[in-house]
Amino acid sequence: MTNAEIKKIQAPLTEETIKNLHAGDFVQITGYIYTARDAAHKRMYEALGRGEKLPFDIRNQIIYYVGPTPAKPGEIVGSAGPTTSGRMDKYTPTMIEQGMRGMIGKGLRNQEVIEACKKYHAVYFAAIGGAAAVIAQSIKGEKMIAYEDLGPEAIRKYTVVNFPAIVAIDIEGRDFYREGEAKYRQL
């Protein structure tokens, strides 16, 4: 793969950026992203249900589904590999409706998430499972945002440089996972 094949994008995301992303594109994300997993999503979802504000402005943001391991001395984070995204599917359409533009994780998403991506213009990025140590190298800063009691599942703000990912679902609803599976079945 050459650098010409990798799209370099900035986070937070803009409408212009996501319009130019297509399922299967390789990207490197620079800027800042937020972390949240199951427990944090549940709390945010319940807060919205009570009419409360989220602990950060989710508009145009990317949430990385990760539970990092503790950092060794001198490091920002330990291993920081993606969590299975389907565990957030119950909450994701609501987060997208609130203005979230991107998610990073691994694995398939349900049809409601795909439809929300199409309706509200959001994208789903896949990070490579098993490459947690490599991914951690792209994380240059970390700040605790909310739910510190959740430990690794707390919401953090990461500053990232060239975070590697693949566009798995684009705003047209194209699904890289399912398209790849269909091609494989034709062989």
C-alpha atoms as a PDB file:
ATOM      1  CA  MET A   1       0.000   0.000   0.000  1.00  0.00           C
ATOM      2  CA  THR A   2       1.359   3.416  -0.915  1.00  0.00           C
ATOM      3  CA  ASN A   3       0.760   6.692   0.879  1.00  0.00           C
ATOM      4  CA  ALA A   4      -1.334   7.839  -2.101  1.00  0.00           C
ATOM      5  CA  GLU A   5      -3.864   5.132  -1.188  1.00  0.00           C
ATOM      6  CA  ILE A   6      -4.233   6.369   2.397  1.00  0.00           C
ATOM      7  CA  LYS A   7      -6.608   9.257   3.044  1.00  0.00           C
ATOM      8  CA  LYS A   8      -5.373  11.559   5.779  1.00  0.00           C
ATOM      9  CA  ILE A   9      -8.308  13.042   7.667  1.00  0.00           C
ATOM     10  CA  GLN A  10      -8.790  15.422  10.589  1.00  0.00           C
ATOM     11  CA  ALA A  11     -10.941  14.869  13.651  1.00  0.00           C
ATOM     12  CA  PRO A  12     -13.406  16.232  14.569  1.00  0.00           C
ATOM     13  CA  LEU A  13     -15.008  15.345  11.254  1.00  0.00           C
ATOM     14  CA  THR A  14     -16.679  17.704   8.821  1.00  0.00           C
ATOM     15  CA  GLU A  15     -19.486  16.992   6.386  1.00  0.00           C
ATOM     16  CA  GLU A  16     -17.045  17.573   3.531  1.00  0.00           C
ATOM     17  CA  THR A  17     -14.625  14.992   4.911  1.00  0.00           C
ATOM     18  CA  ILE A  18     -17.169  12.238   5.397  1.00  0.00           C
ATOM     19  CA  LYS A  19     -18.742  12.809   1.974  1.00  0.00           C
ATOM     20  CA  ASN A  20     -15.384  11.820   0.484  1.00  0.00           C
ATOM     21  CA  LEU A  21     -14.989   8.611   2.475  1.00  0.00           C
ATOM     22  CA  HIS A  22     -16.061   5.304   0.957  1.00  0.00           C
ATOM     23  CA  ALA A  23     -16.290   1.789   2.335  1.00  0.00           C
ATOM     24  CA  GLY A  24     -12.877   0.184   1.956  1.00  0.00           C
ATOM     25  CA  ASP A  25     -10.847   3.405   2.105  1.00  0.00           C
ATOM     26  CA  PHE A  26      -7.732   3.300   4.258  1.00  0.00           C
ATOM     27  CA  VAL A  27      -7.463   6.359   6.493  1.00  0.00           C
ATOM     28  CA  GLN A  28      -5.145   7.904   9.023  1.00  0.00           C
ATOM     29  CA  ILE A  29      -6.917  10.103  11.555  1.00  0.00           C
ATOM     30  CA  THR A  30      -5.199  13.072  13.174  1.00  0.00           C
ATOM     31  CA  GLY A  31      -6.784  15.318  15.783  1.00  0.00           C
ATOM     32  CA  TYR A  32      -8.742  14.176  18.759  1.00  0.00           C
ATOM     33  CA  ILE A  33     -11.180  11.341  19.379  1.00  0.00           C
ATOM     34  CA  TYR A  34     -13.138  10.220  22.422  1.00  0.00           C
ATOM     35  CA  THR A  35     -13.215   6.785  24.024  1.00  0.00           C
ATOM     36  CA  ALA A  36     -16.306   5.015  25.329  1.00  0.00           C
ATOM     37  CA  ARG A  37     -17.446   1.440  25.662  1.00  0.00           C
ATOM     38  CA  ASP A  38     -20.584  -0.356  26.829  1.00  0.00           C
ATOM     39  CA  ALA A  39     -20.922   1.093  30.339  1.00  0.00           C
ATOM     40  CA  ALA A  40     -20.169   4.665  29.242  1.00  0.00           C
ATOM     41  CA  HIS A  41     -22.618   4.400  26.347  1.00  0.00           C
ATOM     42  CA  LYS A  42     -25.311   3.147  28.711  1.00  0.00           C
ATOM     43  CA  ARG A  43     -24.745   6.122  31.023  1.00  0.00           C
ATOM     44  CA  MET A  44     -24.816   8.621  28.151  1.00  0.00           C
ATOM     45  CA  TYR A  45     -27.969   7.020  26.711  1.00  0.00           C
ATOM     46  CA  GLU A  46     -29.693   7.158  30.114  1.00  0.00           C
ATOM     47  CA  ALA A  47     -28.595  10.773  30.638  1.00  0.00           C
ATOM     48  CA  LEU A  48     -30.152  11.759  27.317  1.00  0.00           C
ATOM     49  CA  GLY A  49     -33.324   9.907  28.327  1.00  0.00           C
ATOM     50  CA  ARG A  50     -33.483  12.105  31.452  1.00  0.00           C
ATOM     51  CA  GLY A  51     -32.997  15.238  29.349  1.00  0.00           C
ATOM     52  CA  GLU A  52     -29.445  15.799  30.606  1.00  0.00           C
ATOM     53  CA  LYS A  53     -26.457  16.938  28.575  1.00  0.00           C
ATOM     54  CA  LEU A  54     -23.703  14.557  27.603  1.00  0.00           C
ATOM     55  CA  PRO A  55     -20.338  14.984  29.361  1.00  0.00           C
ATOM     56  CA  PHE A  56     -18.823  16.340  26.119  1.00  0.00           C
ATOM     57  CA  ASP A  57     -20.129  17.925  22.934  1.00  0.00           C
ATOM     58  CA  ILE A  58     -20.606  14.886  20.698  1.00  0.00           C
ATOM     59  CA  ARG A  59     -21.290  16.873  17.511  1.00  0.00           C
ATOM     60  CA  ASN A  60     -18.832  15.964  14.716  1.00  0.00           C
ATOM     61  CA  GLN A  61     -16.841  13.734  17.072  1.00  0.00           C
ATOM     62  CA  ILE A  62     -15.464  10.220  16.692  1.00  0.00           C
ATOM     63  CA  ILE A  63     -15.883   7.702  19.511  1.00  0.00           C
ATOM     64  CA  TYR A  64     -13.332   4.899  19.725  1.00  0.00           C
ATOM     65  CA  TYR A  65     -14.665   1.718  21.327  1.00  0.00           C
ATOM     66  CA  VAL A  66     -11.616   0.853  23.427  1.00  0.00           C
ATOM     67  CA  GLY A  67     -10.677  -0.171  26.933  1.00  0.00           C
ATOM     68  CA  PRO A  68      -6.945   0.529  27.092  1.00  0.00           C
ATOM     69  CA  THR A  69      -4.609  -1.377  29.356  1.00  0.00           C
ATOM     70  CA  PRO A  70      -2.638   0.603  31.940  1.00  0.00           C
ATOM     71  CA  ALA A  71       0.283   2.557  30.557  1.00  0.00           C
ATOM     72  CA  LYS A  72       3.840   1.565  31.361  1.00  0.00           C
ATOM     73  CA  PRO A  73       6.053   4.339  32.769  1.00  0.00           C
ATOM     74  CA  GLY A  74       6.725   6.983  30.127  1.00  0.00           C
ATOM     75  CA  GLU A  75       3.839   5.894  27.860  1.00  0.00           C
ATOM     76  CA  ILE A  76       0.499   7.615  27.231  1.00  0.00           C
ATOM     77  CA  VAL A  77      -1.565   4.388  27.179  1.00  0.00           C
ATOM     78  CA  GLY A  78      -0.964   0.669  27.199  1.00  0.00           C
ATOM     79  CA  SER A  79      -2.402  -1.508  24.457  1.00  0.00           C
ATOM     80  CA  ALA A  80      -5.402   0.220  22.915  1.00  0.00           C
ATOM     81  CA  GLY A  81      -7.134  -2.199  20.555  1.00  0.00           C
ATOM     82  CA  PRO A  82     -10.728  -1.947  19.372  1.00  0.00           C
ATOM     83  CA  THR A  83     -13.673  -3.520  21.165  1.00  0.00           C
ATOM     84  CA  THR A  84     -16.429  -5.403  19.333  1.00  0.00           C
ATOM     85  CA  SER A  85     -18.714  -2.635  18.103  1.00  0.00           C
ATOM     86  CA  GLY A  86     -21.946  -4.595  18.106  1.00  0.00           C
ATOM     87  CA  ARG A  87     -22.056  -4.209  21.887  1.00  0.00           C
ATOM     88  CA  MET A  88     -22.791  -0.496  21.346  1.00  0.00           C
ATOM     89  CA  ASP A  89     -25.435  -0.994  18.624  1.00  0.00           C
ATOM     90  CA  LYS A  90     -28.337  -0.416  21.028  1.00  0.00           C
ATOM     91  CA  TYR A  91     -27.023   3.074  21.825  1.00  0.00           C
ATOM     92  CA  THR A  92     -25.361   4.096  18.567  1.00  0.00           C
ATOM     93  CA  PRO A  93     -28.358   5.408  16.569  1.00  0.00           C
ATOM     94  CA  THR A  94     -29.145   7.805  19.442  1.00  0.00           C
ATOM     95  CA  MET A  95     -25.532   9.013  19.555  1.00  0.00           C
ATOM     96  CA  ILE A  96     -25.557   9.546  15.789  1.00  0.00           C
ATOM     97  CA  GLU A  97     -28.843  11.501  16.077  1.00  0.00           C
ATOM     98  CA  GLN A  98     -27.066  13.727  18.624  1.00  0.00           C
ATOM     99  CA  GLY A  99     -24.463  14.596  15.976  1.00  0.00           C
ATOM    100  CA  MET A 100     -21.710  12.009  16.396  1.00  0.00           C
ATOM    101  CA  ARG A 101     -19.993  11.652  12.998  1.00  0.00           C
ATOM    102  CA  GLY A 102     -17.778   8.621  13.462  1.00  0.00           C
ATOM    103  CA  MET A 103     -17.106   5.460  15.420  1.00  0.00           C
ATOM    104  CA  ILE A 104     -14.047   3.223  15.547  1.00  0.00           C
ATOM    105  CA  GLY A 105     -14.263  -0.420  16.540  1.00  0.00           C
ATOM    106  CA  LYS A 106     -14.248  -3.889  15.042  1.00  0.00           C
ATOM    107  CA  GLY A 107     -16.899  -6.167  13.630  1.00  0.00           C
ATOM    108  CA  LEU A 108     -20.287  -5.922  11.995  1.00  0.00           C
ATOM    109  CA  ARG A 109     -22.970  -3.380  12.892  1.00  0.00           C
ATOM    110  CA  ASN A 110     -26.727  -3.920  12.838  1.00  0.00           C
ATOM    111  CA  GLN A 111     -29.094  -2.473  10.243  1.00  0.00           C
ATOM    112  CA  GLU A 112     -30.282   0.327  12.579  1.00  0.00           C
ATOM    113  CA  VAL A 113     -26.716   1.638  12.850  1.00  0.00           C
ATOM    114  CA  ILE A 114     -26.285   1.481   9.067  1.00  0.00           C
ATOM    115  CA  GLU A 115     -29.551   3.356   8.533  1.00  0.00           C
ATOM    116  CA  ALA A 116     -28.534   6.023  11.075  1.00  0.00           C
ATOM    117  CA  CYS A 117     -25.199   6.447   9.246  1.00  0.00           C
ATOM    118  CA  LYS A 118     -27.108   7.056   6.015  1.00  0.00           C
ATOM    119  CA  LYS A 119     -29.765   9.357   7.485  1.00  0.00           C
ATOM    120  CA  TYR A 120     -27.486  11.535   9.630  1.00  0.00           C
ATOM    121  CA  HIS A 121     -24.198  11.192   7.703  1.00  0.00           C
ATOM    122  CA  ALA A 122     -21.900   9.266  10.003  1.00  0.00           C
ATOM    123  CA  VAL A 123     -19.158   6.745   9.245  1.00  0.00           C
ATOM    124  CA  TYR A 124     -17.930   3.628  10.965  1.00  0.00           C
ATOM    125  CA  PHE A 125     -14.212   2.927  10.927  1.00  0.00           C
ATOM    126  CA  ALA A 126     -12.719  -0.483  11.586  1.00  0.00           C
ATOM    127  CA  ALA A 127      -9.472  -0.702  13.503  1.00  0.00           C
ATOM    128  CA  ILE A 128      -7.403  -3.856  13.273  1.00  0.00           C
ATOM    129  CA  GLY A 129      -7.948  -6.199  16.178  1.00  0.00           C
ATOM    130  CA  GLY A 130      -4.637  -7.636  17.356  1.00  0.00           C
ATOM    131  CA  ALA A 131      -2.754  -4.444  16.508  1.00  0.00           C
ATOM    132  CA  ALA A 132      -3.350  -2.773  19.878  1.00  0.00           C
ATOM    133  CA  ALA A 133       0.309  -1.944  20.516  1.00  0.00           C
ATOM    134  CA  VAL A 134       0.678  -0.392  17.051  1.00  0.00           C
ATOM    135  CA  ILE A 135      -2.517   1.623  17.457  1.00  0.00           C
ATOM    136  CA  ALA A 136      -1.315   2.883  20.859  1.00  0.00           C
ATOM    137  CA  GLN A 137       1.690   4.460  19.134  1.00  0.00           C
ATOM    138  CA  SER A 138      -0.670   6.862  17.314  1.00  0.00           C
ATOM    139  CA  ILE A 139      -2.085   8.112  20.646  1.00  0.00           C
ATOM    140  CA  LYS A 140      -0.064  11.167  21.673  1.00  0.00           C
ATOM    141  CA  GLY A 141      -2.164  12.534  24.519  1.00  0.00           C
ATOM    142  CA  GLU A 142      -4.940  11.538  26.897  1.00  0.00           C
ATOM    143  CA  LYS A 143      -7.340  13.474  29.103  1.00  0.00           C
ATOM    144  CA  MET A 144      -9.992  12.033  31.432  1.00  0.00           C
ATOM    145  CA  ILE A 145     -13.418  13.446  30.519  1.00  0.00           C
ATOM    146  CA  ALA A 146     -16.087  11.543  32.502  1.00  0.00           C
ATOM    147  CA  TYR A 147     -17.071   8.407  34.409  1.00  0.00           C
ATOM    148  CA  GLU A 148     -13.621   7.842  35.896  1.00  0.00           C
ATOM    149  CA  ASP A 149     -15.138   5.159  38.133  1.00  0.00           C
ATOM    150  CA  LEU A 150     -15.476   2.952  35.034  1.00  0.00           C
ATOM    151  CA  GLY A 151     -11.695   2.543  34.841  1.00  0.00           C
ATOM    152  CA  PRO A 152     -10.655   1.534  31.318  1.00  0.00           C
ATOM    153  CA  GLU A 153     -14.230   2.131  30.116  1.00  0.00           C
ATOM    154  CA  ALA A 154     -14.258   5.787  31.225  1.00  0.00           C
ATOM    155  CA  ILE A 155     -14.615   8.520  28.628  1.00  0.00           C
ATOM    156  CA  ARG A 156     -11.241   9.922  27.611  1.00  0.00           C
ATOM    157  CA  LYS A 157     -10.145  12.386  24.980  1.00  0.00           C
ATOM    158  CA  TYR A 158      -7.206  11.138  22.932  1.00  0.00           C
ATOM    159  CA  THR A 159      -4.976  13.282  20.796  1.00  0.00           C
ATOM    160  CA  VAL A 160      -4.053  11.081  17.843  1.00  0.00           C
ATOM    161  CA  VAL A 161      -1.636  11.348  14.929  1.00  0.00           C
ATOM    162  CA  ASN A 162      -2.097   9.062  11.913  1.00  0.00           C
ATOM    163  CA  PHE A 163      -4.442   6.664  13.725  1.00  0.00           C
ATOM    164  CA  PRO A 164      -4.868   3.779  11.229  1.00  0.00           C
ATOM    165  CA  ALA A 165      -8.356   2.607  10.251  1.00  0.00           C
ATOM    166  CA  ILE A 166     -10.494   1.415   7.353  1.00  0.00           C
ATOM    167  CA  VAL A 167     -13.871   2.905   6.416  1.00  0.00           C
ATOM    168  CA  ALA A 168     -16.222   0.021   7.169  1.00  0.00           C
ATOM    169  CA  ILE A 169     -19.582   1.812   6.661  1.00  0.00           C
ATOM    170  CA  ASP A 170     -19.945   5.013   4.680  1.00  0.00           C
ATOM    171  CA  ILE A 171     -22.776   7.560   4.475  1.00  0.00           C
ATOM    172  CA  GLU A 172     -24.332   5.657   1.574  1.00  0.00           C
ATOM    173  CA  GLY A 173     -24.673   2.592   3.802  1.00  0.00           C
ATOM    174  CA  ARG A 174     -22.018   0.578   1.967  1.00  0.00           C
ATOM    175  CA  ASP A 175     -20.611  -2.028   4.342  1.00  0.00           C
ATOM    176  CA  PHE A 176     -17.023  -3.127   3.730  1.00  0.00           C
ATOM    177  CA  TYR A 177     -17.454  -6.256   5.855  1.00  0.00           C
ATOM    178  CA  ARG A 178     -20.532  -7.484   3.991  1.00  0.00           C
ATOM    179  CA  GLU A 179     -19.157  -6.533   0.572  1.00  0.00           C
ATOM    180  CA  GLY A 180     -15.967  -8.472   1.311  1.00  0.00           C
ATOM    181  CA  GLU A 181     -17.944 -11.463   2.475  1.00  0.00           C
ATOM    182  CA  ALA A 182     -20.068 -11.404  -0.708  1.00  0.00           C
ATOM    183  CA  LYS A 183     -16.944 -11.316  -2.914  1.00  0.00           C
ATOM    184  CA  TYR A 184     -15.466 -14.245  -0.997  1.00  0.00           C
ATOM    185  CA  ARG A 185     -18.640 -16.313  -1.483  1.00  0.00           C
ATOM    186  CA  GLN A 186     -18.410 -15.779  -5.252  1.00  0.00           C
ATOM    187  CA  LEU A 187     -15.017 -17.486  -5.388  1.00  0.00           C
END
